[in-house]
Amino acid sequence: MCEDDAWFFNNGFADELISLEKQLGLEPRDRMSILCIHDLHRTPRQYLPDIITSHDYVITDEPVLVFRKSKGG
């Protein structure tokens, strides 16, 4: 599934989106991999810390960088 998250922000569902992302990141079932894609140009800046911390890995495209959440959180 691939969806542009800007729709959620533009229609007042930012908190629901953040909550969903945090729940999905807790323990994916059946060895499932989930790839979230966010257009940082369309994502309100105030939500970036919550989005980033709800993921174990963050990969940026320009420049290409990979960040991994520490085991302590």
Protein backbone atom coordinates (compact mmCIF):
# COMPACT_ATOMS: atom_id res chain seq x y z
CA MET A 1 0.00 0.00 0.00
CA CYS A 2 1.31 3.44 -0.83
CA GLU A 3 -0.58 6.56 0.14
CA ASP A 4 0.29 10.22 0.22
CA ASP A 5 0.00 11.26 3.85
CA ALA A 6 -0.65 14.89 2.91
CA TRP A 7 -4.36 14.08 2.58
CA PHE A 8 -4.52 13.18 6.28
CA PHE A 9 -2.81 16.42 7.32
CA ASN A 10 -4.92 18.57 5.00
CA ASN A 11 -8.19 17.06 6.25
CA GLY A 12 -7.60 17.23 9.99
CA PHE A 13 -6.52 13.62 10.58
CA ALA A 14 -2.89 14.23 11.59
CA ASP A 15 -3.29 12.75 15.09
CA GLU A 16 -4.96 9.63 13.69
CA LEU A 17 -2.17 9.15 11.15
CA ILE A 18 0.54 9.54 13.80
CA SER A 19 -1.30 7.09 16.08
CA LEU A 20 -1.60 4.54 13.27
CA GLU A 21 2.09 4.80 12.40
CA LYS A 22 3.08 4.30 16.04
CA GLN A 23 0.82 1.23 16.34
CA LEU A 24 2.15 -0.30 13.10
CA GLY A 25 5.71 0.21 14.30
CA LEU A 26 5.22 -1.62 17.59
CA GLU A 27 5.16 -5.19 16.32
CA PRO A 28 4.37 -6.06 12.71
CA ARG A 29 2.77 -9.51 12.43
CA ASP A 30 4.00 -12.52 10.53
CA ARG A 31 7.43 -11.05 9.81
CA MET A 32 5.78 -8.33 7.76
CA SER A 33 7.76 -5.36 6.47
CA ILE A 34 6.12 -1.96 6.25
CA LEU A 35 7.52 0.88 4.17
CA CYS A 36 6.13 4.34 4.92
CA ILE A 37 6.75 7.09 2.42
CA HIS A 38 6.41 10.74 3.34
CA ASP A 39 6.86 13.75 1.09
CA LEU A 40 8.64 16.12 3.46
CA HIS A 41 7.71 19.07 1.26
CA ARG A 42 4.01 18.37 1.93
CA THR A 43 4.24 17.22 5.56
CA PRO A 44 3.75 19.96 8.18
CA ARG A 45 7.03 20.44 10.05
CA GLN A 46 5.46 20.20 13.50
CA TYR A 47 4.65 16.51 12.86
CA LEU A 48 8.12 15.44 11.70
CA PRO A 49 9.48 14.51 15.17
CA ASP A 50 6.50 12.20 15.82
CA ILE A 51 6.73 10.64 12.36
CA ILE A 52 10.47 10.06 12.62
CA THR A 53 10.40 8.60 16.14
CA SER A 54 7.56 6.20 15.27
CA HIS A 55 9.85 4.32 12.86
CA ASP A 56 12.79 2.02 13.52
CA TYR A 57 14.56 3.19 10.37
CA VAL A 58 14.42 6.45 8.45
CA ILE A 59 15.87 6.72 4.95
CA THR A 60 16.20 10.07 3.22
CA ASP A 61 16.56 10.50 -0.54
CA GLU A 62 18.55 13.72 -0.95
CA PRO A 63 21.13 13.09 0.35
CA VAL A 64 20.70 9.34 0.76
CA LEU A 65 21.10 8.63 4.48
CA VAL A 66 19.91 5.79 6.73
CA PHE A 67 19.11 6.34 10.40
CA ARG A 68 18.32 3.54 12.88
CA LYS A 69 16.48 4.01 16.17
CA SER A 70 18.62 3.12 19.17
CA LYS A 71 17.47 0.17 21.27
CA GLY A 72 16.68 2.50 24.16
CA GLY A 73 14.15 4.36 22.04
